[in-house]
Amino acid sequence: MSEYSEENNILHRDLSFSYRLLRPANASGECLFVLHGSGVDETTMLPLARQIAPRAVLVAARGRIAQEDGFRWFERITPTSFEQSSIRAEEAAFAEFAAVAAKRHGLDLQRATFLGYSNGANLVSTLMLLHPGLVRQAALLRAMRVLDDTPAPDLAGTRVLIIAGAADQTYGPFAPALVTLFSQRGAAVDARIVAAGHEFGDADAAIVRQWLAGATPVA
């Protein structure tokens, strides 16, 4: 298991988004930006991220919109419809945050992977559409299309992994449209289905780990 320095217990609050930076002593040079789902915080995705890439530097950010006892990334109207102005404002702020955080901590965004779950995955997918070139590699767990007016950037050279849950009755039906959207914009898309609902688990970790290694994931 990787060992982490004392700095990893710190919640950084000096940028536009609060975040934790986890840098293992035996860091491999990999970097994951980790974005949580709604109603929780940045710590909930850390066990999954460590399982996927135990030697990677992790940047676990916290959404700025309060929801129940946790946070989310932008305002929602219903579980599957979202406030468009909030999406665009938070996306712009996060794009700036990612660039500044990467520069501050010596991370190469061109080699980073953005790992998002549910509302966090929606933020990552939209980030690719509104700020093309910032995200070159993304793993999206239980994601859906959230923009009403979707731009059409050229995403050639971008790798996208989309993992849907077979029993996810809320987001699952929207996964094929997201796969089509990114394929039409030139991204290299790997679409997978796991025997799960909206929750993530070991099957997701195994698929993402193999995908990052360049192997063919098996759901």
Protein backbone atom coordinates (compact mmCIF):
# COMPACT_ATOMS: atom_id res chain seq x y z
CA MET A 1 0.00 0.00 0.00
CA SER A 2 1.23 3.49 -0.79
CA GLU A 3 2.36 5.75 2.04
CA TYR A 4 1.18 9.36 2.10
CA SER A 5 2.80 12.36 3.71
CA GLU A 6 1.18 14.52 6.39
CA GLU A 7 0.10 17.09 3.77
CA ASN A 8 -2.52 14.63 2.56
CA ASN A 9 -4.67 15.30 5.64
CA ILE A 10 -5.02 18.96 4.69
CA LEU A 11 -8.14 20.40 3.05
CA HIS A 12 -6.77 23.21 0.87
CA ARG A 13 -9.08 26.22 0.76
CA ASP A 14 -6.88 28.77 -0.99
CA LEU A 15 -8.22 28.23 -4.53
CA SER A 16 -11.71 28.61 -5.98
CA PHE A 17 -12.54 24.99 -5.06
CA SER A 18 -11.54 23.27 -1.82
CA TYR A 19 -9.45 20.16 -2.47
CA ARG A 20 -7.16 17.53 -1.02
CA LEU A 21 -3.86 16.58 -2.63
CA LEU A 22 -2.64 13.04 -2.04
CA ARG A 23 0.91 12.39 -3.21
CA PRO A 24 2.21 8.88 -2.39
CA ALA A 25 5.83 8.45 -1.43
CA ASN A 26 6.32 6.10 -4.39
CA ALA A 27 4.39 8.26 -6.88
CA SER A 28 4.44 6.86 -10.41
CA GLY A 29 3.92 10.12 -12.29
CA GLU A 30 0.21 9.43 -12.87
CA CYS A 31 -2.32 12.07 -11.83
CA LEU A 32 -6.04 11.73 -11.20
CA PHE A 33 -8.46 14.62 -10.69
CA VAL A 34 -11.26 13.03 -8.65
CA LEU A 35 -14.80 14.45 -8.67
CA HIS A 36 -17.45 13.13 -6.28
CA GLY A 37 -21.19 12.62 -6.71
CA SER A 38 -23.96 14.76 -5.21
CA GLY A 39 -24.68 15.12 -1.51
CA VAL A 40 -21.22 14.03 -0.32
CA ASP A 41 -17.69 15.47 -0.31
CA GLU A 42 -14.24 14.91 -1.81
CA THR A 43 -13.33 12.05 0.56
CA THR A 44 -15.94 9.60 -0.76
CA MET A 45 -14.10 8.85 -4.00
CA LEU A 46 -10.64 8.45 -2.49
CA PRO A 47 -10.86 4.69 -1.75
CA LEU A 48 -11.94 4.02 -5.35
CA ALA A 49 -9.20 6.24 -6.76
CA ARG A 50 -6.55 4.50 -4.64
CA GLN A 51 -7.87 1.14 -5.80
CA ILE A 52 -7.60 2.24 -9.42
CA ALA A 53 -4.18 3.90 -9.25
CA PRO A 54 -2.44 3.40 -5.88
CA ARG A 55 0.70 5.27 -6.96
CA ALA A 56 -1.01 8.22 -8.61
CA VAL A 57 -1.12 11.78 -7.30
CA LEU A 58 -4.77 12.47 -6.48
CA VAL A 59 -6.44 15.87 -6.61
CA ALA A 60 -9.80 15.35 -4.90
CA ALA A 61 -11.90 18.49 -5.32
CA ARG A 62 -15.13 19.49 -3.57
CA GLY A 63 -18.18 20.88 -5.37
CA ARG A 64 -19.31 24.36 -4.32
CA ILE A 65 -23.09 23.86 -4.29
CA ALA A 66 -24.49 22.74 -0.93
CA GLN A 67 -26.80 19.71 -0.96
CA GLU A 68 -28.09 18.15 2.26
CA ASP A 69 -25.01 17.33 4.37
CA GLY A 70 -22.66 17.47 1.38
CA PHE A 71 -21.98 19.17 -1.91
CA ARG A 72 -22.64 18.98 -5.64
CA TRP A 73 -21.13 20.60 -8.72
CA PHE A 74 -24.03 22.63 -10.14
CA GLU A 75 -27.68 23.33 -9.40
CA ARG A 76 -30.30 20.80 -10.38
CA ILE A 77 -33.98 21.22 -11.21
CA THR A 78 -34.87 17.52 -11.07
CA PRO A 79 -32.60 14.45 -10.75
CA THR A 80 -32.15 14.52 -14.53
CA SER A 81 -32.46 18.22 -15.44
CA PHE A 82 -30.09 20.98 -14.42
CA GLU A 83 -29.79 24.75 -14.20
CA GLN A 84 -27.90 25.71 -17.35
CA SER A 85 -26.41 28.99 -16.10
CA SER A 86 -25.10 27.20 -13.01
CA ILE A 87 -23.47 24.52 -15.18
CA ARG A 88 -21.62 27.05 -17.31
CA ALA A 89 -20.51 29.20 -14.37
CA GLU A 90 -19.19 26.25 -12.35
CA GLU A 91 -17.53 24.70 -15.41
CA ALA A 92 -15.64 27.93 -16.12
CA ALA A 93 -14.55 28.17 -12.49
CA PHE A 94 -13.40 24.56 -12.39
CA ALA A 95 -11.45 24.89 -15.64
CA GLU A 96 -9.50 27.75 -14.07
CA PHE A 97 -9.07 25.80 -10.83
CA ALA A 98 -7.67 22.73 -12.62
CA ALA A 99 -5.12 24.82 -14.51
CA VAL A 100 -3.98 26.68 -11.39
CA ALA A 101 -3.85 23.56 -9.19
CA ALA A 102 -1.85 21.68 -11.82
CA LYS A 103 0.68 24.49 -12.13
CA ARG A 104 0.99 24.90 -8.35
CA HIS A 105 1.65 21.20 -7.74
CA GLY A 106 3.74 20.46 -10.81
CA LEU A 107 1.15 18.29 -12.57
CA ASP A 108 0.80 17.84 -16.33
CA LEU A 109 -2.85 18.28 -17.33
CA GLN A 110 -2.14 16.74 -20.73
CA ARG A 111 -1.31 13.48 -18.97
CA ALA A 112 -3.92 13.69 -16.21
CA THR A 113 -7.04 11.53 -15.97
CA PHE A 114 -10.30 13.03 -14.74
CA LEU A 115 -12.30 10.46 -12.74
CA GLY A 116 -15.88 11.50 -12.10
CA TYR A 117 -18.91 9.80 -10.59
CA SER A 118 -22.55 10.82 -11.19
CA ASN A 119 -22.75 14.62 -10.77
CA GLY A 120 -18.94 14.73 -10.82
CA ALA A 121 -18.88 12.73 -14.05
CA ASN A 122 -21.39 15.16 -15.51
CA LEU A 123 -19.09 18.05 -14.67
CA VAL A 124 -16.14 16.29 -16.35
CA SER A 125 -18.09 15.41 -19.49
CA THR A 126 -19.33 18.98 -19.83
CA LEU A 127 -15.85 20.33 -19.16
CA MET A 128 -14.66 18.51 -22.29
CA LEU A 129 -17.41 20.11 -24.36
CA LEU A 130 -17.15 23.68 -23.04
CA HIS A 131 -13.36 23.80 -22.54
CA PRO A 132 -11.93 21.43 -25.17
CA GLY A 133 -8.27 20.54 -24.75
CA LEU A 134 -8.28 20.82 -20.95
CA VAL A 135 -9.28 17.18 -20.36
CA ARG A 136 -7.45 14.65 -22.52
CA GLN A 137 -8.54 11.51 -20.67
CA ALA A 138 -11.71 10.95 -18.65
CA ALA A 139 -13.37 8.04 -16.86
CA LEU A 140 -17.07 8.74 -16.37
CA LEU A 141 -19.07 6.58 -13.96
CA ARG A 142 -22.90 6.81 -14.15
CA ALA A 143 -22.93 9.94 -16.31
CA MET A 144 -25.52 11.59 -18.54
CA ARG A 145 -25.77 14.56 -20.89
CA VAL A 146 -26.67 17.72 -18.97
CA LEU A 147 -26.37 20.59 -21.45
CA ASP A 148 -29.51 21.64 -23.32
CA ASP A 149 -27.40 23.36 -25.97
CA THR A 150 -24.43 21.10 -26.68
CA PRO A 151 -21.39 22.55 -28.49
CA ALA A 152 -19.57 20.52 -31.12
CA PRO A 153 -15.81 20.78 -30.45
CA ASP A 154 -13.30 18.53 -32.17
CA LEU A 155 -12.33 16.02 -29.46
CA ALA A 156 -9.90 13.99 -31.57
CA GLY A 157 -7.10 12.77 -29.34
CA THR A 158 -9.34 12.61 -26.26
CA ARG A 159 -9.98 9.23 -24.58
CA VAL A 160 -13.27 8.69 -22.76
CA LEU A 161 -14.40 5.70 -20.71
CA ILE A 162 -18.12 5.60 -19.93
CA ILE A 163 -19.37 3.00 -17.42
CA ALA A 164 -23.12 2.62 -16.93
CA GLY A 165 -24.95 0.49 -14.37
CA ALA A 166 -27.27 -2.14 -15.85
CA ALA A 167 -29.79 -1.55 -13.05
CA ASP A 168 -29.36 2.24 -12.88
CA GLN A 169 -32.90 3.30 -13.69
CA THR A 170 -32.17 7.03 -13.30
CA TYR A 171 -29.01 7.57 -15.37
CA GLY A 172 -28.65 4.26 -17.21
CA PRO A 173 -31.14 5.07 -19.98
CA PHE A 174 -29.15 8.23 -20.86
CA ALA A 175 -25.77 6.49 -21.27
CA PRO A 176 -26.15 5.55 -24.98
CA ALA A 177 -26.81 9.19 -25.93
CA LEU A 178 -23.64 10.26 -24.12
CA VAL A 179 -21.61 7.61 -25.93
CA THR A 180 -23.00 8.83 -29.25
CA LEU A 181 -22.33 12.47 -28.38
CA PHE A 182 -18.62 11.93 -27.70
CA SER A 183 -18.18 9.55 -30.62
CA GLN A 184 -19.65 12.12 -33.01
CA ARG A 185 -17.17 14.69 -31.73
CA GLY A 186 -14.19 12.50 -32.49
CA ALA A 187 -13.27 11.17 -29.05
CA ALA A 188 -12.04 7.60 -28.62
CA VAL A 189 -14.90 6.18 -26.56
CA ASP A 190 -14.90 2.92 -24.61
CA ALA A 191 -18.43 2.16 -23.33
CA ARG A 192 -19.04 -0.47 -20.66
CA ILE A 193 -21.95 -1.78 -18.58
CA VAL A 194 -21.56 -3.31 -15.13
CA ALA A 195 -24.02 -5.40 -13.13
CA ALA A 196 -24.85 -2.62 -10.68
CA GLY A 197 -27.23 0.21 -10.05
CA HIS A 198 -26.19 3.84 -9.63
CA GLU A 199 -23.57 2.92 -7.01
CA PHE A 200 -19.95 2.26 -7.96
CA GLY A 201 -17.82 -0.67 -6.81
CA ASP A 202 -14.99 -3.12 -7.49
CA ALA A 203 -16.12 -3.82 -11.06
CA ASP A 204 -15.75 -0.14 -11.92
CA ALA A 205 -12.29 -0.01 -10.35
CA ALA A 206 -11.13 -3.02 -12.34
CA ILE A 207 -12.38 -1.61 -15.65
CA VAL A 208 -10.85 1.83 -15.09
CA ARG A 209 -7.55 0.31 -13.96
CA GLN A 210 -7.30 -1.87 -17.08
CA TRP A 211 -8.37 1.01 -19.33
CA LEU A 212 -5.67 3.24 -17.92
CA ALA A 213 -3.13 0.49 -18.54
CA GLY A 214 -4.24 0.32 -22.17
CA ALA A 215 -5.72 -3.15 -21.85
CA THR A 216 -9.21 -4.14 -22.95
CA PRO A 217 -11.52 -3.93 -19.92
CA VAL A 218 -13.89 -6.80 -19.22
CA ALA A 219 -17.16 -5.92 -17.55
